[in-house]
Amino acid sequence: MDWIKIAFYAFAAVAVASAGAVISVRNPVNAVLCLILTFFSIACTWLLVGAEFLGVALILVYVGAVMVLFLFVVMMLDIDVDALREGWVKFLPVGVVVAVVMLVQMLALIGVKARSAMPFPDNAAAAAADTSNTRWLAERLFTDFILPFEFAAVILTVAVIAAVTITLRKRTGIKSQNPSEQSRVRAGDRLRMVSMPAERPATDAPPADGPGTDAQAGTREGGA
């Protein structure tokens, strides 16, 4: 029995199912959890075929760092944040399911690696080239596949610009900054000296409703 193919199909099925859940669930927090499971499943497939560097980089970079940015972008959208914060226990079932599936995938990957005695394709190619797996991957990526790599970089750049353009729309009731006006500001616009007397001049009469008025009125009534 080819355990590598079985594990590959299992990881791929989980990745496709979780990717479909990302665009089908209504709650953004559940969508982010499903996206984490998608990244982890794809990383397992890369580890399965011997691309350890890609698998570890996907977990560290995307699952560990990019998902934080995704959550930040989710919070920038027009979402009722107070409703998300209330009753955080409702997100626990989805989180537990994702954690259990990830644990099962890790155990399956360890078991398949232990059962398989044949070298994986990438490891065999790296051994044939008499170099490490990471160096072999870098040479292939930046020589034979440099054009697809550049296309992927352009697509990601366009996606980032589109996301920033969508989130920078004008909204009512929100304070915003204008960098161009801030850069053109002058020192006189920031600070203005105002001359104010420290004491009231003696020629000024006391206010009509002050305590002096009441005292004078009482004196006049007593004298009368």
C-alpha atoms as a PDB file:
ATOM      1  CA  MET A   1       0.000   0.000   0.000  1.00  0.00           C
ATOM      2  CA  ASP A   2       1.339   3.401  -1.038  1.00  0.00           C
ATOM      3  CA  TRP A   3       0.970   5.440   2.135  1.00  0.00           C
ATOM      4  CA  ILE A   4       2.420   8.527   0.477  1.00  0.00           C
ATOM      5  CA  LYS A   5      -0.369   8.744  -2.105  1.00  0.00           C
ATOM      6  CA  ILE A   6      -3.057   8.050   0.483  1.00  0.00           C
ATOM      7  CA  ALA A   7      -1.703  10.768   2.767  1.00  0.00           C
ATOM      8  CA  PHE A   8      -1.341  13.173  -0.160  1.00  0.00           C
ATOM      9  CA  TYR A   9      -4.961  12.683  -1.237  1.00  0.00           C
ATOM     10  CA  ALA A  10      -6.127  13.041   2.362  1.00  0.00           C
ATOM     11  CA  PHE A  11      -4.201  16.291   2.895  1.00  0.00           C
ATOM     12  CA  ALA A  12      -5.386  17.633  -0.466  1.00  0.00           C
ATOM     13  CA  ALA A  13      -9.020  16.808   0.360  1.00  0.00           C
ATOM     14  CA  VAL A  14      -8.773  18.622   3.690  1.00  0.00           C
ATOM     15  CA  ALA A  15      -7.138  21.620   1.985  1.00  0.00           C
ATOM     16  CA  VAL A  16      -9.890  21.827  -0.649  1.00  0.00           C
ATOM     17  CA  ALA A  17     -12.670  21.441   1.935  1.00  0.00           C
ATOM     18  CA  SER A  18     -11.232  24.089   4.246  1.00  0.00           C
ATOM     19  CA  ALA A  19     -10.616  26.446   1.316  1.00  0.00           C
ATOM     20  CA  GLY A  20     -14.253  26.078   0.330  1.00  0.00           C
ATOM     21  CA  ALA A  21     -15.274  26.829   3.907  1.00  0.00           C
ATOM     22  CA  VAL A  22     -13.242  30.054   3.817  1.00  0.00           C
ATOM     23  CA  ILE A  23     -15.511  31.547   1.141  1.00  0.00           C
ATOM     24  CA  SER A  24     -18.730  29.932   2.331  1.00  0.00           C
ATOM     25  CA  VAL A  25     -18.915  30.646   6.071  1.00  0.00           C
ATOM     26  CA  ARG A  26     -20.488  33.928   7.137  1.00  0.00           C
ATOM     27  CA  ASN A  27     -18.436  34.608  10.257  1.00  0.00           C
ATOM     28  CA  PRO A  28     -15.036  36.195   9.469  1.00  0.00           C
ATOM     29  CA  VAL A  29     -13.337  34.620  12.486  1.00  0.00           C
ATOM     30  CA  ASN A  30     -14.411  31.141  11.386  1.00  0.00           C
ATOM     31  CA  ALA A  31     -13.176  31.958   7.868  1.00  0.00           C
ATOM     32  CA  VAL A  32      -9.738  32.849   9.251  1.00  0.00           C
ATOM     33  CA  LEU A  33      -9.607  29.577  11.225  1.00  0.00           C
ATOM     34  CA  CYS A  34     -10.480  27.612   8.083  1.00  0.00           C
ATOM     35  CA  LEU A  35      -7.774  29.491   6.176  1.00  0.00           C
ATOM     36  CA  ILE A  36      -5.236  28.475   8.816  1.00  0.00           C
ATOM     37  CA  LEU A  37      -6.262  24.847   8.300  1.00  0.00           C
ATOM     38  CA  THR A  38      -5.860  25.294   4.530  1.00  0.00           C
ATOM     39  CA  PHE A  39      -2.317  26.623   4.882  1.00  0.00           C
ATOM     40  CA  PHE A  40      -1.389  23.854   7.306  1.00  0.00           C
ATOM     41  CA  SER A  41      -2.759  21.137   4.986  1.00  0.00           C
ATOM     42  CA  ILE A  42      -0.770  22.502   2.046  1.00  0.00           C
ATOM     43  CA  ALA A  43       2.332  22.635   4.229  1.00  0.00           C
ATOM     44  CA  CYS A  44       1.803  18.954   5.077  1.00  0.00           C
ATOM     45  CA  THR A  45       1.725  18.057   1.376  1.00  0.00           C
ATOM     46  CA  TRP A  46       5.004  19.898   0.844  1.00  0.00           C
ATOM     47  CA  LEU A  47       6.591  18.140   3.797  1.00  0.00           C
ATOM     48  CA  LEU A  48       5.293  14.866   2.418  1.00  0.00           C
ATOM     49  CA  VAL A  49       7.118  15.257  -0.900  1.00  0.00           C
ATOM     50  CA  GLY A  50      10.357  16.389   0.697  1.00  0.00           C
ATOM     51  CA  ALA A  51      10.133  20.189   0.369  1.00  0.00           C
ATOM     52  CA  GLU A  52      10.780  20.813   4.060  1.00  0.00           C
ATOM     53  CA  PHE A  53      11.863  24.406   3.588  1.00  0.00           C
ATOM     54  CA  LEU A  54       8.629  25.361   1.806  1.00  0.00           C
ATOM     55  CA  GLY A  55       6.482  23.599   4.387  1.00  0.00           C
ATOM     56  CA  VAL A  56       8.180  25.213   7.368  1.00  0.00           C
ATOM     57  CA  ALA A  57       8.222  28.633   5.660  1.00  0.00           C
ATOM     58  CA  LEU A  58       4.498  28.378   4.944  1.00  0.00           C
ATOM     59  CA  ILE A  59       3.714  27.610   8.574  1.00  0.00           C
ATOM     60  CA  LEU A  60       6.023  30.259  10.022  1.00  0.00           C
ATOM     61  CA  VAL A  61       5.315  33.063   7.534  1.00  0.00           C
ATOM     62  CA  TYR A  62       1.696  32.590   6.545  1.00  0.00           C
ATOM     63  CA  VAL A  63       0.155  30.869   9.548  1.00  0.00           C
ATOM     64  CA  GLY A  64       2.292  32.763  12.051  1.00  0.00           C
ATOM     65  CA  ALA A  65       2.494  36.262  10.539  1.00  0.00           C
ATOM     66  CA  VAL A  66       0.234  36.798   7.552  1.00  0.00           C
ATOM     67  CA  MET A  67      -2.841  35.556   9.415  1.00  0.00           C
ATOM     68  CA  VAL A  68      -2.335  38.379  11.918  1.00  0.00           C
ATOM     69  CA  LEU A  69      -2.528  40.835   9.009  1.00  0.00           C
ATOM     70  CA  PHE A  70      -5.644  39.078   7.737  1.00  0.00           C
ATOM     71  CA  LEU A  71      -7.296  39.551  11.121  1.00  0.00           C
ATOM     72  CA  PHE A  72      -6.287  43.215  11.064  1.00  0.00           C
ATOM     73  CA  VAL A  73      -7.870  43.646   7.623  1.00  0.00           C
ATOM     74  CA  VAL A  74     -11.012  41.870   8.810  1.00  0.00           C
ATOM     75  CA  MET A  75     -11.312  44.339  11.673  1.00  0.00           C
ATOM     76  CA  MET A  76     -10.997  47.236   9.188  1.00  0.00           C
ATOM     77  CA  LEU A  77     -14.092  46.119   7.288  1.00  0.00           C
ATOM     78  CA  ASP A  78     -17.653  47.204   8.064  1.00  0.00           C
ATOM     79  CA  ILE A  79     -18.241  44.496  10.639  1.00  0.00           C
ATOM     80  CA  ASP A  80     -19.999  44.781  13.968  1.00  0.00           C
ATOM     81  CA  VAL A  81     -16.961  44.234  16.168  1.00  0.00           C
ATOM     82  CA  ASP A  82     -18.992  44.338  19.384  1.00  0.00           C
ATOM     83  CA  ALA A  83     -21.053  41.385  18.172  1.00  0.00           C
ATOM     84  CA  LEU A  84     -17.859  39.429  17.492  1.00  0.00           C
ATOM     85  CA  ARG A  85     -16.472  40.133  20.944  1.00  0.00           C
ATOM     86  CA  GLU A  86     -19.631  39.034  22.714  1.00  0.00           C
ATOM     87  CA  GLY A  87     -19.744  35.341  23.474  1.00  0.00           C
ATOM     88  CA  TRP A  88     -16.300  34.287  22.265  1.00  0.00           C
ATOM     89  CA  VAL A  89     -17.110  30.747  23.399  1.00  0.00           C
ATOM     90  CA  LYS A  90     -19.188  30.299  20.234  1.00  0.00           C
ATOM     91  CA  PHE A  91     -15.921  30.225  18.231  1.00  0.00           C
ATOM     92  CA  LEU A  92     -14.547  27.417  20.403  1.00  0.00           C
ATOM     93  CA  PRO A  93     -16.112  24.467  18.474  1.00  0.00           C
ATOM     94  CA  VAL A  94     -14.587  25.569  15.165  1.00  0.00           C
ATOM     95  CA  GLY A  95     -11.227  26.171  16.841  1.00  0.00           C
ATOM     96  CA  VAL A  96     -11.294  22.742  18.487  1.00  0.00           C
ATOM     97  CA  VAL A  97     -12.142  21.043  15.168  1.00  0.00           C
ATOM     98  CA  VAL A  98      -9.300  22.850  13.405  1.00  0.00           C
ATOM     99  CA  ALA A  99      -6.848  21.958  16.186  1.00  0.00           C
ATOM    100  CA  VAL A 100      -7.871  18.280  16.157  1.00  0.00           C
ATOM    101  CA  VAL A 101      -7.548  18.031  12.364  1.00  0.00           C
ATOM    102  CA  MET A 102      -4.108  19.649  12.487  1.00  0.00           C
ATOM    103  CA  LEU A 103      -3.023  17.201  15.201  1.00  0.00           C
ATOM    104  CA  VAL A 104      -4.253  14.235  13.151  1.00  0.00           C
ATOM    105  CA  GLN A 105      -2.384  15.551  10.109  1.00  0.00           C
ATOM    106  CA  MET A 106       0.850  15.882  12.075  1.00  0.00           C
ATOM    107  CA  LEU A 107       0.544  12.334  13.429  1.00  0.00           C
ATOM    108  CA  ALA A 108      -0.273  10.994   9.955  1.00  0.00           C
ATOM    109  CA  LEU A 109       2.702  12.806   8.461  1.00  0.00           C
ATOM    110  CA  ILE A 110       5.042  11.379  11.092  1.00  0.00           C
ATOM    111  CA  GLY A 111       3.628   7.896  10.547  1.00  0.00           C
ATOM    112  CA  VAL A 112       3.975   8.077   6.768  1.00  0.00           C
ATOM    113  CA  LYS A 113       7.538   9.347   7.048  1.00  0.00           C
ATOM    114  CA  ALA A 114       8.387   6.489   9.398  1.00  0.00           C
ATOM    115  CA  ARG A 115       6.769   3.808   7.198  1.00  0.00           C
ATOM    116  CA  SER A 116       8.246   5.009   3.924  1.00  0.00           C
ATOM    117  CA  ALA A 117      11.753   3.716   3.282  1.00  0.00           C
ATOM    118  CA  MET A 118      12.072   5.182  -0.231  1.00  0.00           C
ATOM    119  CA  PRO A 119      13.525   8.679  -0.666  1.00  0.00           C
ATOM    120  CA  PHE A 120      11.153  11.387  -1.727  1.00  0.00           C
ATOM    121  CA  PRO A 121      11.498  12.946  -5.213  1.00  0.00           C
ATOM    122  CA  ASP A 122      12.902  16.272  -4.094  1.00  0.00           C
ATOM    123  CA  ASN A 123      15.349  14.648  -1.710  1.00  0.00           C
ATOM    124  CA  ALA A 124      16.493  12.263  -4.450  1.00  0.00           C
ATOM    125  CA  ALA A 125      17.013  15.140  -6.890  1.00  0.00           C
ATOM    126  CA  ALA A 126      18.962  17.100  -4.301  1.00  0.00           C
ATOM    127  CA  ALA A 127      21.105  14.066  -3.525  1.00  0.00           C
ATOM    128  CA  ALA A 128      21.760  13.517  -7.234  1.00  0.00           C
ATOM    129  CA  ALA A 129      22.873  17.147  -7.572  1.00  0.00           C
ATOM    130  CA  ASP A 130      25.147  16.699  -4.523  1.00  0.00           C
ATOM    131  CA  THR A 131      23.660  19.686  -2.695  1.00  0.00           C
ATOM    132  CA  SER A 132      21.226  20.445   0.091  1.00  0.00           C
ATOM    133  CA  ASN A 133      17.471  20.471  -0.371  1.00  0.00           C
ATOM    134  CA  THR A 134      17.170  24.204   0.281  1.00  0.00           C
ATOM    135  CA  ARG A 135      19.928  25.126  -2.182  1.00  0.00           C
ATOM    136  CA  TRP A 136      18.507  22.833  -4.844  1.00  0.00           C
ATOM    137  CA  LEU A 137      15.092  24.434  -4.404  1.00  0.00           C
ATOM    138  CA  ALA A 138      16.537  27.956  -4.648  1.00  0.00           C
ATOM    139  CA  GLU A 139      18.475  27.110  -7.817  1.00  0.00           C
ATOM    140  CA  ARG A 140      15.407  25.624  -9.503  1.00  0.00           C
ATOM    141  CA  LEU A 141      13.165  28.502  -8.357  1.00  0.00           C
ATOM    142  CA  PHE A 142      15.433  31.319  -9.543  1.00  0.00           C
ATOM    143  CA  THR A 143      16.668  29.662 -12.751  1.00  0.00           C
ATOM    144  CA  ASP A 144      14.165  27.278 -14.334  1.00  0.00           C
ATOM    145  CA  PHE A 145      11.002  28.767 -12.791  1.00  0.00           C
ATOM    146  CA  ILE A 146      11.967  32.443 -12.528  1.00  0.00           C
ATOM    147  CA  LEU A 147       9.170  33.588 -14.893  1.00  0.00           C
ATOM    148  CA  PRO A 148       6.304  31.945 -12.925  1.00  0.00           C
ATOM    149  CA  PHE A 149       7.920  33.282  -9.746  1.00  0.00           C
ATOM    150  CA  GLU A 150       7.861  36.845 -11.098  1.00  0.00           C
ATOM    151  CA  PHE A 151       4.255  36.422 -12.266  1.00  0.00           C
ATOM    152  CA  ALA A 152       3.255  35.327  -8.765  1.00  0.00           C
ATOM    153  CA  ALA A 153       5.006  38.383  -7.293  1.00  0.00           C
ATOM    154  CA  VAL A 154       3.126  40.717  -9.672  1.00  0.00           C
ATOM    155  CA  ILE A 155      -0.206  39.066  -8.829  1.00  0.00           C
ATOM    156  CA  LEU A 156       0.423  39.445  -5.094  1.00  0.00           C
ATOM    157  CA  THR A 157       1.408  43.100  -5.561  1.00  0.00           C
ATOM    158  CA  VAL A 158      -1.779  43.822  -7.513  1.00  0.00           C
ATOM    159  CA  ALA A 159      -3.812  42.071  -4.794  1.00  0.00           C
ATOM    160  CA  VAL A 160      -2.213  44.213  -2.072  1.00  0.00           C
ATOM    161  CA  ILE A 161      -2.877  47.441  -3.999  1.00  0.00           C
ATOM    162  CA  ALA A 162      -6.491  46.388  -4.636  1.00  0.00           C
ATOM    163  CA  ALA A 163      -7.041  45.607  -0.954  1.00  0.00           C
ATOM    164  CA  VAL A 164      -5.639  48.979   0.107  1.00  0.00           C
ATOM    165  CA  THR A 165      -7.769  50.777  -2.497  1.00  0.00           C
ATOM    166  CA  ILE A 166     -10.928  49.059  -1.291  1.00  0.00           C
ATOM    167  CA  THR A 167     -10.305  49.848   2.379  1.00  0.00           C
ATOM    168  CA  LEU A 168      -9.368  53.510   1.772  1.00  0.00           C
ATOM    169  CA  ARG A 169     -12.865  54.597   0.751  1.00  0.00           C
ATOM    170  CA  LYS A 170     -14.337  57.652   2.456  1.00  0.00           C
ATOM    171  CA  ARG A 171     -16.690  56.998   5.339  1.00  0.00           C
ATOM    172  CA  THR A 172     -18.892  59.347   7.308  1.00  0.00           C
ATOM    173  CA  GLY A 173     -18.297  59.892  10.999  1.00  0.00           C
ATOM    174  CA  ILE A 174     -14.657  58.708  10.947  1.00  0.00           C
ATOM    175  CA  LYS A 175     -11.647  60.958  11.540  1.00  0.00           C
ATOM    176  CA  SER A 176      -9.023  60.718   8.816  1.00  0.00           C
ATOM    177  CA  GLN A 177      -5.685  62.307   7.955  1.00  0.00           C
ATOM    178  CA  ASN A 178      -4.526  64.106   4.831  1.00  0.00           C
ATOM    179  CA  PRO A 179      -0.771  63.520   4.440  1.00  0.00           C
ATOM    180  CA  SER A 180      -0.389  66.161   1.700  1.00  0.00           C
ATOM    181  CA  GLU A 181      -1.855  68.891   3.923  1.00  0.00           C
ATOM    182  CA  GLN A 182       0.253  67.722   6.863  1.00  0.00           C
ATOM    183  CA  SER A 183       3.455  67.983   4.802  1.00  0.00           C
ATOM    184  CA  ARG A 184       2.594  71.545   3.645  1.00  0.00           C
ATOM    185  CA  VAL A 185       1.875  72.879   7.129  1.00  0.00           C
ATOM    186  CA  ARG A 186       3.940  75.846   8.403  1.00  0.00           C
ATOM    187  CA  ALA A 187       5.186  76.694  11.853  1.00  0.00           C
ATOM    188  CA  GLY A 188       2.806  79.652  12.075  1.00  0.00           C
ATOM    189  CA  ASP A 189      -0.141  77.337  11.484  1.00  0.00           C
ATOM    190  CA  ARG A 190       0.842  75.107  14.375  1.00  0.00           C
ATOM    191  CA  LEU A 191       1.444  77.767  17.062  1.00  0.00           C
ATOM    192  CA  ARG A 192      -0.143  81.150  17.641  1.00  0.00           C
ATOM    193  CA  MET A 193       0.813  83.568  20.419  1.00  0.00           C
ATOM    194  CA  VAL A 194      -2.149  85.307  22.065  1.00  0.00           C
ATOM    195  CA  SER A 195      -1.777  88.246  24.487  1.00  0.00           C
ATOM    196  CA  MET A 196      -4.218  87.993  27.405  1.00  0.00           C
ATOM    197  CA  PRO A 197      -4.216  90.241  30.534  1.00  0.00           C
ATOM    198  CA  ALA A 198      -3.548  88.409  33.763  1.00  0.00           C
ATOM    199  CA  GLU A 199      -5.781  90.723  35.879  1.00  0.00           C
ATOM    200  CA  ARG A 200      -8.996  92.601  35.249  1.00  0.00           C
ATOM    201  CA  PRO A 201      -8.577  96.389  35.010  1.00  0.00           C
ATOM    202  CA  ALA A 202      -9.796  98.397  38.019  1.00  0.00           C
ATOM    203  CA  THR A 203     -12.126 100.532  35.868  1.00  0.00           C
ATOM    204  CA  ASP A 204     -14.291  97.517  35.052  1.00  0.00           C
ATOM    205  CA  ALA A 205     -17.486  97.366  37.073  1.00  0.00           C
ATOM    206  CA  PRO A 206     -18.398  94.098  38.832  1.00  0.00           C
ATOM    207  CA  PRO A 207     -20.858  91.893  37.016  1.00  0.00           C
ATOM    208  CA  ALA A 208     -24.552  92.529  37.520  1.00  0.00           C
ATOM    209  CA  ASP A 209     -25.196  89.146  39.111  1.00  0.00           C
ATOM    210  CA  GLY A 210     -22.023  89.053  41.234  1.00  0.00           C
ATOM    211  CA  PRO A 211     -21.813  88.928  45.027  1.00  0.00           C
ATOM    212  CA  GLY A 212     -20.994  92.659  45.202  1.00  0.00           C
ATOM    213  CA  THR A 213     -24.332  93.534  43.657  1.00  0.00           C
ATOM    214  CA  ASP A 214     -26.243  91.578  46.305  1.00  0.00           C
ATOM    215  CA  ALA A 215     -24.257  93.239  49.126  1.00  0.00           C
ATOM    216  CA  GLN A 216     -24.845  96.738  47.724  1.00  0.00           C
ATOM    217  CA  ALA A 217     -28.557  96.035  47.303  1.00  0.00           C
ATOM    218  CA  GLY A 218     -28.818  94.880  50.925  1.00  0.00           C
ATOM    219  CA  THR A 219     -27.013  98.042  52.152  1.00  0.00           C
ATOM    220  CA  ARG A 220     -29.360 100.268  50.210  1.00  0.00           C
ATOM    221  CA  GLU A 221     -32.402  98.440  51.577  1.00  0.00           C
ATOM    222  CA  GLY A 222     -31.089  98.678  55.160  1.00  0.00           C
ATOM    223  CA  GLY A 223     -30.402 102.403  54.808  1.00  0.00           C
ATOM    224  CA  ALA A 224     -33.806 102.968  53.386  1.00  0.00           C
END
